[in-house]
């Protein structure tokens, strides 16, 4: 797999990383199949893995820990996230840092993640929600500096709330973070406006998440699609969202060439942007691993195709169901 430098840190990471929410938070996941998929990804050059303490209350981290131990001879990068103390996704305007990321909470979950992963150091510790109003608060910065001095984490980042790429600009410009994780795909092109240029200027690594718009850009959803009870997607693809999304996906399908697929087009769109350090699709099955890595290896899209995808940008406003 082709590699890219992870921002100013310079880690050589495979273009396709591994998003691990679905391994613990979505219905239909199977641990043994997840481990087979992880191993296949590692064998094919994947070396960046994104999980979180909140994914299955540590279950996703523990699965990753098993894969890390099975590949102790390889250089693999583990990224995880501190959940908000108030357990509210996304964060809300006006909420105080003390209610979300007090220092003792940051330390507690860093230690929990270390135990779940079975490692001595977390490569990248991220805040699972973020408000730019916290940018200049010294308390979170002191907490992560303490963890760095103790050798418990190597780098720090923020995961930006859905459809709010501007909600970390001041934080990026503080120089205090090493990475941002943001939704970026054919529909969600807004990070290109201000966030990517700021990250490029300061050497902050960009982690592109949700490359398939929670599954819609696989082209498999219909207006009648449902999921088992308890699956997160039932709350996201409410009728107003599902219907509008399927209509937009149907218009995109006309651009897919006979020798390609919509998921390949979606992956190649993201990786055509050199500002992206790594994209982290969810890959619960070996077939997903092979398809995503093959799409990346196909290389960037030609400029004329990028131009055709520009009008499919969809600027959305956060709602009660868009967490």
C-alpha atoms as a PDB file:
ATOM      1  CA  UNK A   1       0.000   0.000   0.000  1.00  0.00           C
ATOM      2  CA  UNK A   2       1.147   3.549  -0.704  1.00  0.00           C
ATOM      3  CA  UNK A   3       2.152   5.544   2.354  1.00  0.00           C
ATOM      4  CA  UNK A   4       1.831   9.186   3.360  1.00  0.00           C
ATOM      5  CA  UNK A   5       3.531  11.238   6.058  1.00  0.00           C
ATOM      6  CA  UNK A   6       1.306  11.747   9.099  1.00  0.00           C
ATOM      7  CA  UNK A   7       1.577  15.520   9.312  1.00  0.00           C
ATOM      8  CA  UNK A   8       4.579  17.062  11.025  1.00  0.00           C
ATOM      9  CA  UNK A   9       4.991  13.920  13.126  1.00  0.00           C
ATOM     10  CA  UNK A  10       6.069  12.170   9.961  1.00  0.00           C
ATOM     11  CA  UNK A  11       4.857   8.651  10.737  1.00  0.00           C
ATOM     12  CA  UNK A  12       4.754   6.676   7.460  1.00  0.00           C
ATOM     13  CA  UNK A  13       1.135   5.524   7.417  1.00  0.00           C
ATOM     14  CA  UNK A  14      -0.682   3.514   4.782  1.00  0.00           C
ATOM     15  CA  UNK A  15      -3.197   5.622   2.878  1.00  0.00           C
ATOM     16  CA  UNK A  16      -6.007   3.345   4.050  1.00  0.00           C
ATOM     17  CA  UNK A  17      -6.328   3.057   7.796  1.00  0.00           C
ATOM     18  CA  UNK A  18      -8.833   1.008   9.737  1.00  0.00           C
ATOM     19  CA  UNK A  19     -11.912   2.569  11.333  1.00  0.00           C
ATOM     20  CA  UNK A  20     -12.994   0.349  14.203  1.00  0.00           C
ATOM     21  CA  UNK A  21     -16.366   1.678  15.368  1.00  0.00           C
ATOM     22  CA  UNK A  22     -18.322  -0.921  13.417  1.00  0.00           C
ATOM     23  CA  UNK A  23     -16.429  -3.744  15.106  1.00  0.00           C
ATOM     24  CA  UNK A  24     -18.188  -3.009  18.376  1.00  0.00           C
ATOM     25  CA  UNK A  25     -20.990  -0.532  17.771  1.00  0.00           C
ATOM     26  CA  UNK A  26     -22.942  -1.916  14.822  1.00  0.00           C
ATOM     27  CA  UNK A  27     -25.098  -5.008  14.552  1.00  0.00           C
ATOM     28  CA  UNK A  28     -23.750  -7.927  12.545  1.00  0.00           C
ATOM     29  CA  UNK A  29     -20.192  -7.726  13.853  1.00  0.00           C
ATOM     30  CA  UNK A  30     -18.326 -10.905  14.732  1.00  0.00           C
ATOM     31  CA  UNK A  31     -15.071 -10.769  16.693  1.00  0.00           C
ATOM     32  CA  UNK A  32     -13.346 -13.613  14.878  1.00  0.00           C
ATOM     33  CA  UNK A  33     -14.260 -12.190  11.490  1.00  0.00           C
ATOM     34  CA  UNK A  34     -13.075  -8.783  12.683  1.00  0.00           C
ATOM     35  CA  UNK A  35      -9.721 -10.267  13.682  1.00  0.00           C
ATOM     36  CA  UNK A  36      -9.380 -11.970  10.294  1.00  0.00           C
ATOM     37  CA  UNK A  37     -10.124  -8.665   8.599  1.00  0.00           C
ATOM     38  CA  UNK A  38      -7.609  -6.834  10.770  1.00  0.00           C
ATOM     39  CA  UNK A  39      -4.909  -9.372  10.005  1.00  0.00           C
ATOM     40  CA  UNK A  40      -5.590  -9.216   6.279  1.00  0.00           C
ATOM     41  CA  UNK A  41      -5.386  -5.423   6.399  1.00  0.00           C
ATOM     42  CA  UNK A  42      -2.055  -5.603   8.222  1.00  0.00           C
ATOM     43  CA  UNK A  43      -0.735  -8.127   5.717  1.00  0.00           C
ATOM     44  CA  UNK A  44      -1.706  -5.756   2.884  1.00  0.00           C
ATOM     45  CA  UNK A  45       0.094  -2.783   4.425  1.00  0.00           C
ATOM     46  CA  UNK A  46      -2.473  -1.142   6.709  1.00  0.00           C
ATOM     47  CA  UNK A  47      -0.693   0.238   9.794  1.00  0.00           C
ATOM     48  CA  UNK A  48      -3.016   2.918  11.253  1.00  0.00           C
ATOM     49  CA  UNK A  49      -5.973   1.897  13.412  1.00  0.00           C
ATOM     50  CA  UNK A  50      -8.601   4.214  14.849  1.00  0.00           C
ATOM     51  CA  UNK A  51     -10.702   3.094  17.800  1.00  0.00           C
ATOM     52  CA  UNK A  52     -12.242   4.687  20.912  1.00  0.00           C
ATOM     53  CA  UNK A  53     -12.932   3.865  24.529  1.00  0.00           C
ATOM     54  CA  UNK A  54     -16.638   4.355  23.827  1.00  0.00           C
ATOM     55  CA  UNK A  55     -16.818   1.775  21.022  1.00  0.00           C
ATOM     56  CA  UNK A  56     -18.478  -1.089  22.818  1.00  0.00           C
ATOM     57  CA  UNK A  57     -17.203   0.301  26.140  1.00  0.00           C
ATOM     58  CA  UNK A  58     -13.641  -0.701  25.324  1.00  0.00           C
ATOM     59  CA  UNK A  59     -14.480  -3.802  23.269  1.00  0.00           C
ATOM     60  CA  UNK A  60     -13.092  -2.346  20.038  1.00  0.00           C
ATOM     61  CA  UNK A  61      -9.873  -1.386  21.828  1.00  0.00           C
ATOM     62  CA  UNK A  62      -9.500  -4.905  23.185  1.00  0.00           C
ATOM     63  CA  UNK A  63      -9.951  -6.402  19.699  1.00  0.00           C
ATOM     64  CA  UNK A  64      -7.250  -4.076  18.393  1.00  0.00           C
ATOM     65  CA  UNK A  65      -5.040  -5.077  21.309  1.00  0.00           C
ATOM     66  CA  UNK A  66      -5.246  -8.706  20.216  1.00  0.00           C
ATOM     67  CA  UNK A  67      -4.194  -7.756  16.690  1.00  0.00           C
ATOM     68  CA  UNK A  68      -1.319  -5.628  17.972  1.00  0.00           C
ATOM     69  CA  UNK A  69       0.020  -8.490  20.101  1.00  0.00           C
ATOM     70  CA  UNK A  70      -0.242 -10.896  17.170  1.00  0.00           C
ATOM     71  CA  UNK A  71       1.888  -8.517  15.082  1.00  0.00           C
ATOM     72  CA  UNK A  72       4.404  -7.339  17.636  1.00  0.00           C
ATOM     73  CA  UNK A  73       7.162  -7.439  15.030  1.00  0.00           C
ATOM     74  CA  UNK A  74       5.474  -4.728  12.925  1.00  0.00           C
ATOM     75  CA  UNK A  75       5.232  -0.966  13.369  1.00  0.00           C
ATOM     76  CA  UNK A  76       1.520  -0.298  13.839  1.00  0.00           C
ATOM     77  CA  UNK A  77      -0.049   2.968  15.000  1.00  0.00           C
ATOM     78  CA  UNK A  78      -2.966   2.881  17.436  1.00  0.00           C
ATOM     79  CA  UNK A  79      -5.237   5.909  17.746  1.00  0.00           C
ATOM     80  CA  UNK A  80      -8.012   6.037  20.308  1.00  0.00           C
ATOM     81  CA  UNK A  81     -10.324   8.609  21.869  1.00  0.00           C
ATOM     82  CA  UNK A  82     -11.323   9.925  25.283  1.00  0.00           C
ATOM     83  CA  UNK A  83     -15.137   9.946  25.531  1.00  0.00           C
ATOM     84  CA  UNK A  84     -16.916  13.071  26.793  1.00  0.00           C
ATOM     85  CA  UNK A  85     -17.577  12.814  30.524  1.00  0.00           C
ATOM     86  CA  UNK A  86     -21.191  13.914  30.014  1.00  0.00           C
ATOM     87  CA  UNK A  87     -21.588  11.179  27.353  1.00  0.00           C
ATOM     88  CA  UNK A  88     -23.073  13.641  24.891  1.00  0.00           C
ATOM     89  CA  UNK A  89     -22.302  13.263  21.178  1.00  0.00           C
ATOM     90  CA  UNK A  90     -21.799  15.736  19.607  1.00  0.00           C
ATOM     91  CA  UNK A  91     -20.821  18.441  22.066  1.00  0.00           C
ATOM     92  CA  UNK A  92     -23.167  21.389  22.447  1.00  0.00           C
ATOM     93  CA  UNK A  93     -22.477  25.100  22.141  1.00  0.00           C
ATOM     94  CA  UNK A  94     -21.798  26.702  25.487  1.00  0.00           C
ATOM     95  CA  UNK A  95     -20.943  23.489  27.333  1.00  0.00           C
ATOM     96  CA  UNK A  96     -18.038  23.898  29.733  1.00  0.00           C
ATOM     97  CA  UNK A  97     -14.787  21.982  29.433  1.00  0.00           C
ATOM     98  CA  UNK A  98     -15.148  20.819  33.056  1.00  0.00           C
ATOM     99  CA  UNK A  99     -18.326  18.958  32.106  1.00  0.00           C
ATOM    100  CA  UNK A 100     -16.721  17.178  29.161  1.00  0.00           C
ATOM    101  CA  UNK A 101     -12.956  16.802  29.542  1.00  0.00           C
ATOM    102  CA  UNK A 102     -11.740  17.596  33.075  1.00  0.00           C
ATOM    103  CA  UNK A 103      -8.117  16.653  33.640  1.00  0.00           C
ATOM    104  CA  UNK A 104      -8.782  13.645  35.861  1.00  0.00           C
ATOM    105  CA  UNK A 105     -11.176  12.247  33.254  1.00  0.00           C
ATOM    106  CA  UNK A 106      -8.559  12.582  30.501  1.00  0.00           C
ATOM    107  CA  UNK A 107      -5.994  10.756  32.643  1.00  0.00           C
ATOM    108  CA  UNK A 108      -8.466   8.061  33.682  1.00  0.00           C
ATOM    109  CA  UNK A 109      -9.436   7.161  30.145  1.00  0.00           C
ATOM    110  CA  UNK A 110      -5.889   7.304  28.832  1.00  0.00           C
ATOM    111  CA  UNK A 111      -5.047   4.670  31.439  1.00  0.00           C
ATOM    112  CA  UNK A 112      -8.124   2.590  30.587  1.00  0.00           C
ATOM    113  CA  UNK A 113      -7.221   2.650  26.902  1.00  0.00           C
ATOM    114  CA  UNK A 114      -3.648   1.646  27.642  1.00  0.00           C
ATOM    115  CA  UNK A 115      -4.968  -1.363  29.529  1.00  0.00           C
ATOM    116  CA  UNK A 116      -7.516  -2.294  26.854  1.00  0.00           C
ATOM    117  CA  UNK A 117      -4.943  -2.011  24.073  1.00  0.00           C
ATOM    118  CA  UNK A 118      -2.253  -3.764  26.084  1.00  0.00           C
ATOM    119  CA  UNK A 119       0.381  -1.208  25.120  1.00  0.00           C
ATOM    120  CA  UNK A 120       2.791   0.979  27.053  1.00  0.00           C
ATOM    121  CA  UNK A 121       2.061   4.063  24.947  1.00  0.00           C
ATOM    122  CA  UNK A 122      -0.876   5.295  22.875  1.00  0.00           C
ATOM    123  CA  UNK A 123       0.320   6.677  19.580  1.00  0.00           C
ATOM    124  CA  UNK A 124      -2.524   9.178  19.146  1.00  0.00           C
ATOM    125  CA  UNK A 125      -4.988  10.172  21.875  1.00  0.00           C
ATOM    126  CA  UNK A 126      -7.953  12.143  20.542  1.00  0.00           C
ATOM    127  CA  UNK A 127     -10.828  14.024  22.124  1.00  0.00           C
ATOM    128  CA  UNK A 128     -13.993  12.321  20.883  1.00  0.00           C
ATOM    129  CA  UNK A 129     -15.975  15.563  20.592  1.00  0.00           C
ATOM    130  CA  UNK A 130     -14.748  19.111  20.317  1.00  0.00           C
ATOM    131  CA  UNK A 131     -15.666  22.775  20.775  1.00  0.00           C
ATOM    132  CA  UNK A 132     -13.340  25.459  19.475  1.00  0.00           C
ATOM    133  CA  UNK A 133     -14.232  27.597  22.502  1.00  0.00           C
ATOM    134  CA  UNK A 134     -11.926  25.283  24.469  1.00  0.00           C
ATOM    135  CA  UNK A 135      -8.930  26.025  22.249  1.00  0.00           C
ATOM    136  CA  UNK A 136      -7.130  28.349  24.629  1.00  0.00           C
ATOM    137  CA  UNK A 137      -8.054  26.578  27.860  1.00  0.00           C
ATOM    138  CA  UNK A 138      -4.761  25.558  29.429  1.00  0.00           C
ATOM    139  CA  UNK A 139      -6.257  22.691  31.412  1.00  0.00           C
ATOM    140  CA  UNK A 140      -6.710  20.155  28.605  1.00  0.00           C
ATOM    141  CA  UNK A 141      -3.344  21.167  27.216  1.00  0.00           C
ATOM    142  CA  UNK A 142      -1.641  20.592  30.573  1.00  0.00           C
ATOM    143  CA  UNK A 143      -3.337  17.197  30.864  1.00  0.00           C
ATOM    144  CA  UNK A 144      -2.053  15.957  27.512  1.00  0.00           C
ATOM    145  CA  UNK A 145       1.363  17.497  28.126  1.00  0.00           C
ATOM    146  CA  UNK A 146       1.529  15.505  31.365  1.00  0.00           C
ATOM    147  CA  UNK A 147       0.643  12.319  29.509  1.00  0.00           C
ATOM    148  CA  UNK A 148       3.312  13.044  26.908  1.00  0.00           C
ATOM    149  CA  UNK A 149       5.953  13.713  29.573  1.00  0.00           C
ATOM    150  CA  UNK A 150       5.093  10.408  31.222  1.00  0.00           C
ATOM    151  CA  UNK A 151       5.542   8.656  27.889  1.00  0.00           C
ATOM    152  CA  UNK A 152       1.930   7.431  27.924  1.00  0.00           C
ATOM    153  CA  UNK A 153       0.933   9.115  24.653  1.00  0.00           C
ATOM    154  CA  UNK A 154       2.942  10.244  21.651  1.00  0.00           C
ATOM    155  CA  UNK A 155       0.527  12.685  20.013  1.00  0.00           C
ATOM    156  CA  UNK A 156      -2.839  14.366  20.547  1.00  0.00           C
ATOM    157  CA  UNK A 157      -5.745  15.181  18.268  1.00  0.00           C
ATOM    158  CA  UNK A 158      -9.393  16.169  18.117  1.00  0.00           C
ATOM    159  CA  UNK A 159     -12.330  14.500  16.396  1.00  0.00           C
ATOM    160  CA  UNK A 160     -14.524  17.214  14.916  1.00  0.00           C
ATOM    161  CA  UNK A 161     -18.299  17.097  15.259  1.00  0.00           C
ATOM    162  CA  UNK A 162     -20.282  16.115  12.171  1.00  0.00           C
ATOM    163  CA  UNK A 163     -20.657  18.871   9.566  1.00  0.00           C
ATOM    164  CA  UNK A 164     -18.654  21.386  11.636  1.00  0.00           C
ATOM    165  CA  UNK A 165     -15.152  21.469  10.108  1.00  0.00           C
ATOM    166  CA  UNK A 166     -14.770  25.091  11.144  1.00  0.00           C
ATOM    167  CA  UNK A 167     -15.228  24.124  14.807  1.00  0.00           C
ATOM    168  CA  UNK A 168     -11.537  23.350  15.270  1.00  0.00           C
ATOM    169  CA  UNK A 169      -9.801  26.126  13.355  1.00  0.00           C
ATOM    170  CA  UNK A 170      -8.647  28.041  16.428  1.00  0.00           C
ATOM    171  CA  UNK A 171      -7.536  24.783  18.016  1.00  0.00           C
ATOM    172  CA  UNK A 172      -5.443  23.877  14.977  1.00  0.00           C
ATOM    173  CA  UNK A 173      -3.848  27.321  15.035  1.00  0.00           C
ATOM    174  CA  UNK A 174      -2.752  26.966  18.655  1.00  0.00           C
ATOM    175  CA  UNK A 175      -0.139  24.476  17.488  1.00  0.00           C
ATOM    176  CA  UNK A 176      -1.121  22.253  20.424  1.00  0.00           C
ATOM    177  CA  UNK A 177      -2.593  19.361  18.440  1.00  0.00           C
ATOM    178  CA  UNK A 178      -0.997  16.954  16.007  1.00  0.00           C
ATOM    179  CA  UNK A 179      -4.055  15.660  14.151  1.00  0.00           C
ATOM    180  CA  UNK A 180      -7.688  16.345  13.331  1.00  0.00           C
ATOM    181  CA  UNK A 181     -10.262  13.733  12.443  1.00  0.00           C
ATOM    182  CA  UNK A 182     -13.046  15.062  10.238  1.00  0.00           C
ATOM    183  CA  UNK A 183     -15.827  13.774   8.014  1.00  0.00           C
ATOM    184  CA  UNK A 184     -14.701  14.184   4.409  1.00  0.00           C
ATOM    185  CA  UNK A 185     -16.238  12.516   1.370  1.00  0.00           C
ATOM    186  CA  UNK A 186     -17.930  13.298  -1.951  1.00  0.00           C
ATOM    187  CA  UNK A 187     -20.873  14.881  -0.139  1.00  0.00           C
ATOM    188  CA  UNK A 188     -18.913  16.485   2.706  1.00  0.00           C
ATOM    189  CA  UNK A 189     -16.358  18.621   0.884  1.00  0.00           C
ATOM    190  CA  UNK A 190     -16.496  21.606   3.279  1.00  0.00           C
ATOM    191  CA  UNK A 191     -13.223  20.740   5.119  1.00  0.00           C
ATOM    192  CA  UNK A 192     -11.404  21.859   1.976  1.00  0.00           C
ATOM    193  CA  UNK A 193     -12.522  25.474   2.527  1.00  0.00           C
ATOM    194  CA  UNK A 194     -10.615  26.452   5.683  1.00  0.00           C
ATOM    195  CA  UNK A 195      -9.657  23.400   7.722  1.00  0.00           C
ATOM    196  CA  UNK A 196      -7.355  21.711   5.228  1.00  0.00           C
ATOM    197  CA  UNK A 197      -5.383  24.871   4.420  1.00  0.00           C
ATOM    198  CA  UNK A 198      -4.854  25.513   8.152  1.00  0.00           C
ATOM    199  CA  UNK A 199      -3.697  21.935   8.700  1.00  0.00           C
ATOM    200  CA  UNK A 200      -1.388  22.132   5.698  1.00  0.00           C
ATOM    201  CA  UNK A 201       0.191  25.344   7.004  1.00  0.00           C
ATOM    202  CA  UNK A 202       0.851  23.939  10.488  1.00  0.00           C
ATOM    203  CA  UNK A 203       1.639  20.328   9.618  1.00  0.00           C
ATOM    204  CA  UNK A 204      -1.439  18.923  11.366  1.00  0.00           C
ATOM    205  CA  UNK A 205      -2.351  15.471  10.055  1.00  0.00           C
ATOM    206  CA  UNK A 206      -5.831  15.026   8.571  1.00  0.00           C
ATOM    207  CA  UNK A 207      -7.685  11.783   9.282  1.00  0.00           C
ATOM    208  CA  UNK A 208     -10.664  11.479   6.917  1.00  0.00           C
ATOM    209  CA  UNK A 209     -13.526   9.539   8.445  1.00  0.00           C
ATOM    210  CA  UNK A 210     -16.932   8.390   7.138  1.00  0.00           C
ATOM    211  CA  UNK A 211     -15.707   7.996   3.532  1.00  0.00           C
ATOM    212  CA  UNK A 212     -18.965   6.282   2.536  1.00  0.00           C
ATOM    213  CA  UNK A 213     -21.352   8.636   4.380  1.00  0.00           C
ATOM    214  CA  UNK A 214     -22.277   5.953   6.933  1.00  0.00           C
ATOM    215  CA  UNK A 215     -22.842   3.480   4.100  1.00  0.00           C
ATOM    216  CA  UNK A 216     -24.843   5.504   1.595  1.00  0.00           C
ATOM    217  CA  UNK A 217     -21.891   5.869  -0.790  1.00  0.00           C
ATOM    218  CA  UNK A 218     -21.641   2.103  -1.103  1.00  0.00           C
ATOM    219  CA  UNK A 219     -24.756   2.456  -3.258  1.00  0.00           C
ATOM    220  CA  UNK A 220     -26.610  -0.298  -1.421  1.00  0.00           C
ATOM    221  CA  UNK A 221     -29.215   1.714   0.496  1.00  0.00           C
ATOM    222  CA  UNK A 222     -32.793   2.193  -0.629  1.00  0.00           C
ATOM    223  CA  UNK A 223     -35.587   4.301   0.813  1.00  0.00           C
ATOM    224  CA  UNK A 224     -36.911   1.126   2.443  1.00  0.00           C
ATOM    225  CA  UNK A 225     -33.636   0.082   4.131  1.00  0.00           C
ATOM    226  CA  UNK A 226     -33.902  -0.686   7.851  1.00  0.00           C
ATOM    227  CA  UNK A 227     -31.544  -2.063  10.473  1.00  0.00           C
ATOM    228  CA  UNK A 228     -32.043  -4.297  13.523  1.00  0.00           C
ATOM    229  CA  UNK A 229     -33.189  -2.695  16.743  1.00  0.00           C
ATOM    230  CA  UNK A 230     -30.391  -0.963  18.627  1.00  0.00           C
ATOM    231  CA  UNK A 231     -28.318  -0.293  15.523  1.00  0.00           C
ATOM    232  CA  UNK A 232     -27.035   3.296  15.488  1.00  0.00           C
ATOM    233  CA  UNK A 233     -27.982   3.757  11.832  1.00  0.00           C
ATOM    234  CA  UNK A 234     -31.700   3.658  12.646  1.00  0.00           C
ATOM    235  CA  UNK A 235     -31.266   6.965  14.468  1.00  0.00           C
ATOM    236  CA  UNK A 236     -29.146   8.530  11.749  1.00  0.00           C
ATOM    237  CA  UNK A 237     -30.993   7.471   8.619  1.00  0.00           C
ATOM    238  CA  UNK A 238     -34.351   8.823   9.750  1.00  0.00           C
ATOM    239  CA  UNK A 239     -36.838   9.099   6.856  1.00  0.00           C
ATOM    240  CA  UNK A 240     -35.978  12.705   6.014  1.00  0.00           C
ATOM    241  CA  UNK A 241     -32.283  11.862   5.798  1.00  0.00           C
ATOM    242  CA  UNK A 242     -32.573   8.462   4.123  1.00  0.00           C
ATOM    243  CA  UNK A 243     -34.844   9.692   1.346  1.00  0.00           C
ATOM    244  CA  UNK A 244     -32.727  12.732   0.478  1.00  0.00           C
ATOM    245  CA  UNK A 245     -29.537  10.689   0.674  1.00  0.00           C
ATOM    246  CA  UNK A 246     -30.749   7.935  -1.641  1.00  0.00           C
ATOM    247  CA  UNK A 247     -31.839  10.538  -4.203  1.00  0.00           C
ATOM    248  CA  UNK A 248     -28.377  12.102  -4.193  1.00  0.00           C
ATOM    249  CA  UNK A 249     -26.628   8.741  -4.403  1.00  0.00           C
ATOM    250  CA  UNK A 250     -28.787   7.774  -7.383  1.00  0.00           C
ATOM    251  CA  UNK A 251     -27.609  10.901  -9.200  1.00  0.00           C
ATOM    252  CA  UNK A 252     -23.990  10.017  -8.438  1.00  0.00           C
ATOM    253  CA  UNK A 253     -24.299   6.516  -9.867  1.00  0.00           C
ATOM    254  CA  UNK A 254     -24.478   7.953 -13.373  1.00  0.00           C
ATOM    255  CA  UNK A 255     -20.820   8.980 -13.054  1.00  0.00           C
ATOM    256  CA  UNK A 256     -19.517   5.503 -12.240  1.00  0.00           C
ATOM    257  CA  UNK A 257     -17.752   3.882 -15.160  1.00  0.00           C
ATOM    258  CA  UNK A 258     -18.565   0.247 -16.089  1.00  0.00           C
ATOM    259  CA  UNK A 259     -15.161  -0.923 -14.850  1.00  0.00           C
ATOM    260  CA  UNK A 260     -15.496   0.754 -11.439  1.00  0.00           C
ATOM    261  CA  UNK A 261     -17.857   0.971  -8.455  1.00  0.00           C
ATOM    262  CA  UNK A 262     -19.333   3.764  -6.382  1.00  0.00           C
ATOM    263  CA  UNK A 263     -17.271   2.809  -3.288  1.00  0.00           C
ATOM    264  CA  UNK A 264     -14.097   2.911  -5.381  1.00  0.00           C
ATOM    265  CA  UNK A 265     -15.053   6.346  -6.689  1.00  0.00           C
ATOM    266  CA  UNK A 266     -15.688   7.518  -3.112  1.00  0.00           C
ATOM    267  CA  UNK A 267     -12.327   6.273  -1.840  1.00  0.00           C
ATOM    268  CA  UNK A 268     -10.361   7.651  -4.765  1.00  0.00           C
ATOM    269  CA  UNK A 269     -12.021  11.064  -4.405  1.00  0.00           C
ATOM    270  CA  UNK A 270     -10.729  11.347  -0.841  1.00  0.00           C
ATOM    271  CA  UNK A 271      -7.240  10.101  -1.624  1.00  0.00           C
ATOM    272  CA  UNK A 272      -6.960  12.455  -4.591  1.00  0.00           C
ATOM    273  CA  UNK A 273      -6.511  15.199  -2.004  1.00  0.00           C
ATOM    274  CA  UNK A 274      -2.887  15.349  -0.764  1.00  0.00           C
ATOM    275  CA  UNK A 275      -4.019  17.128   2.418  1.00  0.00           C
ATOM    276  CA  UNK A 276      -5.422  13.806   3.686  1.00  0.00           C
ATOM    277  CA  UNK A 277      -2.881  11.742   5.635  1.00  0.00           C
ATOM    278  CA  UNK A 278      -5.094   8.666   5.988  1.00  0.00           C
ATOM    279  CA  UNK A 279      -8.692   7.621   5.373  1.00  0.00           C
ATOM    280  CA  UNK A 280     -10.320   5.263   7.868  1.00  0.00           C
ATOM    281  CA  UNK A 281     -13.190   3.246   6.375  1.00  0.00           C
ATOM    282  CA  UNK A 282     -14.929   0.698   8.528  1.00  0.00           C
ATOM    283  CA  UNK A 283     -13.876  -2.760   7.366  1.00  0.00           C
ATOM    284  CA  UNK A 284     -15.673  -5.516   9.217  1.00  0.00           C
ATOM    285  CA  UNK A 285     -15.165  -8.170   6.545  1.00  0.00           C
ATOM    286  CA  UNK A 286     -12.167  -9.305   4.474  1.00  0.00           C
ATOM    287  CA  UNK A 287     -14.023  -8.350   1.289  1.00  0.00           C
ATOM    288  CA  UNK A 288     -14.199  -4.747   2.562  1.00  0.00           C
ATOM    289  CA  UNK A 289     -10.468  -4.751   3.249  1.00  0.00           C
ATOM    290  CA  UNK A 290      -9.566  -5.982  -0.222  1.00  0.00           C
ATOM    291  CA  UNK A 291     -11.944  -3.587  -1.982  1.00  0.00           C
ATOM    292  CA  UNK A 292     -10.813  -0.482  -0.082  1.00  0.00           C
ATOM    293  CA  UNK A 293      -7.115  -1.172  -0.496  1.00  0.00           C
ATOM    294  CA  UNK A 294      -7.617  -1.955  -4.193  1.00  0.00           C
ATOM    295  CA  UNK A 295      -9.446   1.348  -4.621  1.00  0.00           C
ATOM    296  CA  UNK A 296      -6.564   3.235  -3.020  1.00  0.00           C
ATOM    297  CA  UNK A 297      -4.042   1.415  -5.180  1.00  0.00           C
ATOM    298  CA  UNK A 298      -5.954   2.524  -8.282  1.00  0.00           C
ATOM    299  CA  UNK A 299      -4.560   5.991  -7.638  1.00  0.00           C
ATOM    300  CA  UNK A 300      -6.090   9.476  -7.677  1.00  0.00           C
ATOM    301  CA  UNK A 301      -9.010  10.360  -9.899  1.00  0.00           C
ATOM    302  CA  UNK A 302      -8.346  12.358 -13.062  1.00  0.00           C
ATOM    303  CA  UNK A 303      -9.011  16.113 -12.708  1.00  0.00           C
ATOM    304  CA  UNK A 304     -12.022  15.943 -15.019  1.00  0.00           C
ATOM    305  CA  UNK A 305     -13.723  13.417 -12.727  1.00  0.00           C
ATOM    306  CA  UNK A 306     -12.993  15.554  -9.649  1.00  0.00           C
ATOM    307  CA  UNK A 307     -14.631  18.454 -11.497  1.00  0.00           C
ATOM    308  CA  UNK A 308     -17.735  16.346 -12.149  1.00  0.00           C
ATOM    309  CA  UNK A 309     -17.958  15.450  -8.446  1.00  0.00           C
ATOM    310  CA  UNK A 310     -17.768  19.049  -7.224  1.00  0.00           C
ATOM    311  CA  UNK A 311     -21.486  19.791  -7.806  1.00  0.00           C
ATOM    312  CA  UNK A 312     -22.375  16.826  -5.578  1.00  0.00           C
ATOM    313  CA  UNK A 313     -21.136  18.699  -2.516  1.00  0.00           C
ATOM    314  CA  UNK A 314     -23.865  18.684   0.123  1.00  0.00           C
ATOM    315  CA  UNK A 315     -23.526  21.275   2.880  1.00  0.00           C
ATOM    316  CA  UNK A 316     -25.698  20.150   5.768  1.00  0.00           C
ATOM    317  CA  UNK A 317     -26.601  21.686   9.107  1.00  0.00           C
ATOM    318  CA  UNK A 318     -26.330  19.618  12.308  1.00  0.00           C
ATOM    319  CA  UNK A 319     -29.680  18.370  13.579  1.00  0.00           C
ATOM    320  CA  UNK A 320     -30.994  16.318  16.479  1.00  0.00           C
ATOM    321  CA  UNK A 321     -30.295  13.095  14.526  1.00  0.00           C
ATOM    322  CA  UNK A 322     -26.891  13.946  13.069  1.00  0.00           C
ATOM    323  CA  UNK A 323     -24.674  12.985  15.995  1.00  0.00           C
END
